[in-house]
Structures are given as structure tokens and as C-alpha cells.
Amino acid sequence: MAPRGRPRTFDPDTALRQALDVFWERGYEGTSLNDLAQAMGIASASIYAYFGSKQDLFRKVMALYGATAGEPPRRALREHAGAREAVHAMLRATADQITGADTPHYCMLVLAAPTGAVENHDVREFLAGIRRDVRAAIRDRLERGVADGDLAVPDGGVDGLARYYATVVQGLSIQARDGATREELETVITCAMAAWDALAAPIATP
């Protein structure tokens, strides 16, 4: 049911993108309702009426983030034929996203709310859940590689391999936040992929 009162005088999609810019720049706790109201061009009361609480708005913002900045790495996992190529492309797409010229240099899933006040525990758990989903997507791609005969790992090794590359993804974000360039992140990716042969191996062709 639409909120009662005066007709809406703003575009919710545009306002949500403006909120994304603020949260991305300042993080969750560093963003106030006043910051959001100014950026979105609407009153705080309208934010509550159309988006809910600050936490509700942040969850909507993260859904938008996942569908935009978060999509290229996931697409790389889906679309590359080989498991190694898929993981390599995912890491490179991540590095591209977190060093873009027009956005803050970090991944919101990793650094938008790493620590903070007790009352924001639910936000941190929300982000942790999304990070677990990212790791699960990597694991699923590796399991597909095993099923396709593209990848051989020891029993139980898929989960460890997925955790390793999920950790690399998160580390890239911290490096970018601390000033690493795209070229410098590429050296990290090169090292991470050099570890592939020690952790996994393609199925030998007779």
C-alpha cells in the first residue's frame, strides 16, 4: 500500500542511487539521516515513509550495489568455461570495480561496516551473510569444475579453496582502500593464481 499524504515528488530509483553514493563514501555509521536527506533531496520523514529506517534503506542500497558494482565478478564466475579462468576473471573484475575512477576504492561488502556500535550488530551480520554468499558462489563454481572434470582437488578441498579466493577478494578491497593501484592489485592477483596449481590441478588428459 502506498504511503498516505502528499503525492511523491521524487524518483525513488534516483534517490536510492544517491543514498548508495553517500553510504559508499562514508560507510554505514559515518552516514547520518541528515547526510542522506541532503544527498537524496528529500526530508528525513520522507526517507522513513518510503524506505523505512536507516537500516532498511541500507539493505535496499546493498541490493542495488549487488546488482550494479557487484555483478561483474559474479558474471565472470558464471560465464567462463574453465574453473581457473572463472576465478581469475572474478578477481580481475573485482579489482576493476574497486579501483574505478568515479567510485570510492573499496568493496562495500567488506568495509561499509567492519566494526562499530553494538546497536549496529545486525548490519554487520547482514553484510557478513552477503560475504558468505559470495564464498558460496565461488564454491559452487569450483564444484561445477569438479563435476565437469575440469578440476581435481583433495576430498574436502573445495571449501578451503573457496575460502582462500574469497579471502583474496576481501584483501583486494582493503589494499585498494589503502591506496593500491589497479596495476598493484594485478600483481596480487598474479600471485593468487600462481597458487592455483598448488591448491588445485586440472584433470590430466590421457
Protein backbone atom coordinates (compact mmCIF):
# COMPACT_ATOMS: atom_id res chain seq x y z
CA MET A 1 0.00 0.00 0.00
CA ALA A 2 1.38 3.40 -0.97
CA PRO A 3 2.12 5.82 1.90
CA ARG A 4 -0.65 8.34 2.57
CA GLY A 5 -0.21 12.08 2.38
CA ARG A 6 1.05 14.37 -0.31
CA PRO A 7 1.95 12.84 -3.69
CA ARG A 8 5.55 11.71 -4.04
CA THR A 9 7.72 14.44 -5.56
CA PHE A 10 10.93 12.46 -6.08
CA ASP A 11 12.08 9.47 -8.09
CA PRO A 12 12.75 6.56 -5.68
CA ASP A 13 15.30 4.95 -8.01
CA THR A 14 17.32 8.16 -8.28
CA ALA A 15 17.07 8.73 -4.54
CA LEU A 16 18.30 5.20 -3.86
CA ARG A 17 21.32 5.71 -6.09
CA GLN A 18 22.08 8.95 -4.27
CA ALA A 19 21.86 7.10 -0.96
CA LEU A 20 24.25 4.48 -2.33
CA ASP A 21 26.80 7.19 -3.11
CA VAL A 22 26.63 8.51 0.45
CA PHE A 23 26.88 5.12 2.16
CA TRP A 24 29.72 4.12 -0.18
CA GLU A 25 31.64 7.30 0.58
CA ARG A 26 31.09 7.40 4.35
CA GLY A 27 30.24 3.87 5.45
CA TYR A 28 27.19 2.90 7.45
CA GLU A 29 27.97 4.50 10.79
CA GLY A 30 29.55 7.56 9.20
CA THR A 31 26.32 8.36 7.36
CA SER A 32 23.62 10.30 9.18
CA LEU A 33 19.98 10.72 8.23
CA ASN A 34 20.75 14.37 7.60
CA ASP A 35 23.51 13.36 5.16
CA LEU A 36 21.04 11.11 3.37
CA ALA A 37 18.28 13.70 3.30
CA GLN A 38 20.61 16.28 1.77
CA ALA A 39 22.00 13.91 -0.84
CA MET A 40 18.59 12.49 -1.76
CA GLY A 41 16.93 15.90 -1.79
CA ILE A 42 14.08 14.79 0.46
CA ALA A 43 13.13 15.22 4.10
CA SER A 44 14.05 12.65 6.74
CA ALA A 45 10.34 11.98 7.21
CA SER A 46 10.08 11.03 3.54
CA ILE A 47 13.01 8.63 3.91
CA TYR A 48 11.14 6.85 6.69
CA ALA A 49 7.88 6.92 4.75
CA TYR A 50 9.23 5.44 1.51
CA PHE A 51 12.35 3.49 2.52
CA GLY A 52 11.92 2.71 6.21
CA SER A 53 14.65 3.15 8.81
CA LYS A 54 18.29 3.91 8.03
CA GLN A 55 18.98 0.18 8.29
CA ASP A 56 16.11 -0.62 5.92
CA LEU A 57 17.45 1.93 3.45
CA PHE A 58 20.95 0.47 3.73
CA ARG A 59 19.64 -3.01 2.92
CA LYS A 60 17.95 -1.62 -0.20
CA VAL A 61 21.15 0.19 -1.11
CA MET A 62 23.14 -3.03 -0.81
CA ALA A 63 20.68 -4.81 -3.11
CA LEU A 64 21.32 -2.06 -5.67
CA TYR A 65 25.06 -2.32 -5.09
CA GLY A 66 24.94 -6.05 -5.67
CA ALA A 67 23.02 -5.61 -8.92
CA THR A 68 25.47 -3.00 -10.23
CA ALA A 69 29.03 -2.94 -8.86
CA GLY A 70 28.76 -6.48 -7.53
CA GLU A 71 27.54 -8.05 -10.75
CA PRO A 72 30.72 -8.18 -12.94
CA PRO A 73 32.64 -10.54 -10.60
CA ARG A 74 29.63 -12.86 -10.30
CA ARG A 75 29.14 -12.78 -14.06
CA ALA A 76 32.79 -13.74 -14.53
CA LEU A 77 32.25 -16.80 -12.34
CA ARG A 78 29.18 -17.81 -14.34
CA GLU A 79 30.35 -17.20 -17.87
CA HIS A 80 33.92 -18.51 -18.11
CA ALA A 81 34.13 -22.12 -19.19
CA GLY A 82 37.06 -23.27 -17.05
CA ALA A 83 37.18 -23.06 -13.26
CA ARG A 84 40.62 -21.45 -13.23
CA GLU A 85 39.65 -18.92 -15.88
CA ALA A 86 36.45 -18.13 -13.98
CA VAL A 87 38.24 -17.45 -10.70
CA HIS A 88 40.94 -15.41 -12.44
CA ALA A 89 38.32 -13.32 -14.24
CA MET A 90 36.40 -12.83 -10.99
CA LEU A 91 39.49 -11.45 -9.25
CA ARG A 92 40.26 -9.13 -12.15
CA ALA A 93 36.67 -7.89 -12.32
CA THR A 94 36.80 -7.22 -8.58
CA ALA A 95 39.98 -5.20 -8.96
CA ASP A 96 38.41 -3.23 -11.81
CA GLN A 97 35.37 -2.37 -9.70
CA ILE A 98 37.25 -1.26 -6.60
CA THR A 99 39.69 0.99 -8.46
CA GLY A 100 37.16 2.75 -10.70
CA ALA A 101 37.69 6.45 -11.33
CA ASP A 102 34.21 7.51 -10.23
CA THR A 103 33.65 5.48 -7.06
CA PRO A 104 35.34 5.03 -3.66
CA HIS A 105 38.14 2.49 -3.78
CA TYR A 106 36.77 -0.37 -1.72
CA CYS A 107 34.06 -3.01 -1.72
CA MET A 108 31.04 -2.10 0.41
CA LEU A 109 30.53 -5.73 1.41
CA VAL A 110 33.91 -5.67 3.13
CA LEU A 111 34.32 -2.18 4.53
CA ALA A 112 30.96 -0.40 4.78
CA ALA A 113 30.55 -1.60 8.39
CA PRO A 114 33.53 -3.70 9.55
CA THR A 115 33.18 -2.71 13.22
CA GLY A 116 31.05 -0.30 15.20
CA ALA A 117 28.42 0.30 17.82
CA VAL A 118 26.61 -2.60 19.43
CA GLU A 119 23.28 -1.40 18.08
CA ASN A 120 24.56 -1.89 14.54
CA HIS A 121 25.36 -5.57 15.04
CA ASP A 122 22.50 -6.56 12.71
CA VAL A 123 24.02 -4.51 9.89
CA ARG A 124 27.40 -6.21 10.32
CA GLU A 125 25.74 -9.61 10.35
CA PHE A 126 23.76 -8.67 7.26
CA LEU A 127 26.98 -7.86 5.40
CA ALA A 128 28.66 -10.99 6.75
CA GLY A 129 25.80 -13.01 5.31
CA ILE A 130 26.34 -11.49 1.88
CA ARG A 131 30.06 -12.24 2.10
CA ARG A 132 29.19 -15.84 2.94
CA ASP A 133 27.01 -15.88 -0.18
CA VAL A 134 30.00 -14.70 -2.23
CA ARG A 135 32.10 -17.54 -0.85
CA ALA A 136 29.28 -19.96 -1.60
CA ALA A 137 29.15 -18.73 -5.21
CA ILE A 138 32.89 -19.38 -5.57
CA ARG A 139 32.49 -22.83 -4.00
CA ASP A 140 29.60 -23.64 -6.34
CA ARG A 141 31.73 -22.69 -9.34
CA LEU A 142 34.57 -24.89 -8.13
CA GLU A 143 32.18 -27.79 -7.54
CA ARG A 144 30.94 -27.32 -11.07
CA GLY A 145 34.55 -27.56 -12.23
CA VAL A 146 34.93 -30.85 -10.38
CA ALA A 147 31.69 -32.17 -11.85
CA ASP A 148 32.77 -31.10 -15.35
CA GLY A 149 36.09 -32.89 -14.99
CA ASP A 150 37.89 -29.54 -15.21
CA LEU A 151 39.29 -29.52 -11.70
CA ALA A 152 40.76 -32.00 -9.22
CA VAL A 153 41.06 -31.23 -5.52
CA PRO A 154 41.57 -33.46 -2.45
CA ASP A 155 38.48 -34.59 -0.57
CA GLY A 156 37.04 -31.59 1.23
CA GLY A 157 39.40 -29.28 -0.61
CA VAL A 158 36.75 -27.31 -2.50
CA ASP A 159 35.63 -25.45 0.61
CA GLY A 160 39.18 -24.50 1.55
CA LEU A 161 39.89 -23.34 -1.99
CA ALA A 162 36.72 -21.24 -2.00
CA ARG A 163 37.67 -19.68 1.34
CA TYR A 164 41.13 -18.86 0.05
CA TYR A 165 39.89 -17.00 -3.03
CA ALA A 166 37.12 -15.29 -1.04
CA THR A 167 39.86 -14.06 1.29
CA VAL A 168 41.81 -12.73 -1.68
CA VAL A 169 38.71 -10.84 -2.84
CA GLN A 170 38.35 -9.23 0.58
CA GLY A 171 42.05 -8.44 0.77
CA LEU A 172 41.96 -6.68 -2.58
CA SER A 173 39.34 -4.33 -1.16
CA ILE A 174 41.49 -3.43 1.84
CA GLN A 175 44.52 -2.88 -0.39
CA ALA A 176 42.50 -0.60 -2.67
CA ARG A 177 41.16 1.36 0.31
CA ASP A 178 44.74 1.86 1.45
CA GLY A 179 45.76 3.27 -1.92
CA ALA A 180 46.86 0.33 -4.08
CA THR A 181 46.51 1.00 -7.79
CA ARG A 182 44.89 -1.30 -10.33
CA GLU A 183 48.35 -2.30 -11.53
CA GLU A 184 49.46 -3.15 -8.00
CA LEU A 185 46.34 -5.23 -7.43
CA GLU A 186 47.14 -7.14 -10.61
CA THR A 187 50.38 -8.32 -9.01
CA VAL A 188 48.36 -9.68 -6.08
CA ILE A 189 46.06 -11.49 -8.50
CA THR A 190 49.04 -12.95 -10.34
CA CYS A 191 50.37 -14.35 -7.06
CA ALA A 192 46.95 -15.72 -6.11
CA MET A 193 46.64 -17.53 -9.42
CA ALA A 194 50.21 -18.83 -9.15
CA ALA A 195 48.98 -20.60 -6.01
CA TRP A 196 46.26 -22.37 -8.01
CA ASP A 197 48.49 -25.24 -9.12
CA ALA A 198 49.49 -25.92 -5.52
CA LEU A 199 45.87 -25.97 -4.37
CA ALA A 200 44.09 -27.44 -7.38
CA ALA A 201 45.01 -29.11 -10.62
CA PRO A 202 43.29 -29.72 -13.93
CA ILE A 203 42.32 -33.27 -14.77
CA ALA A 204 45.10 -34.83 -16.83
CA THR A 205 44.09 -35.74 -20.35
CA PRO A 206 45.07 -39.31 -21.35
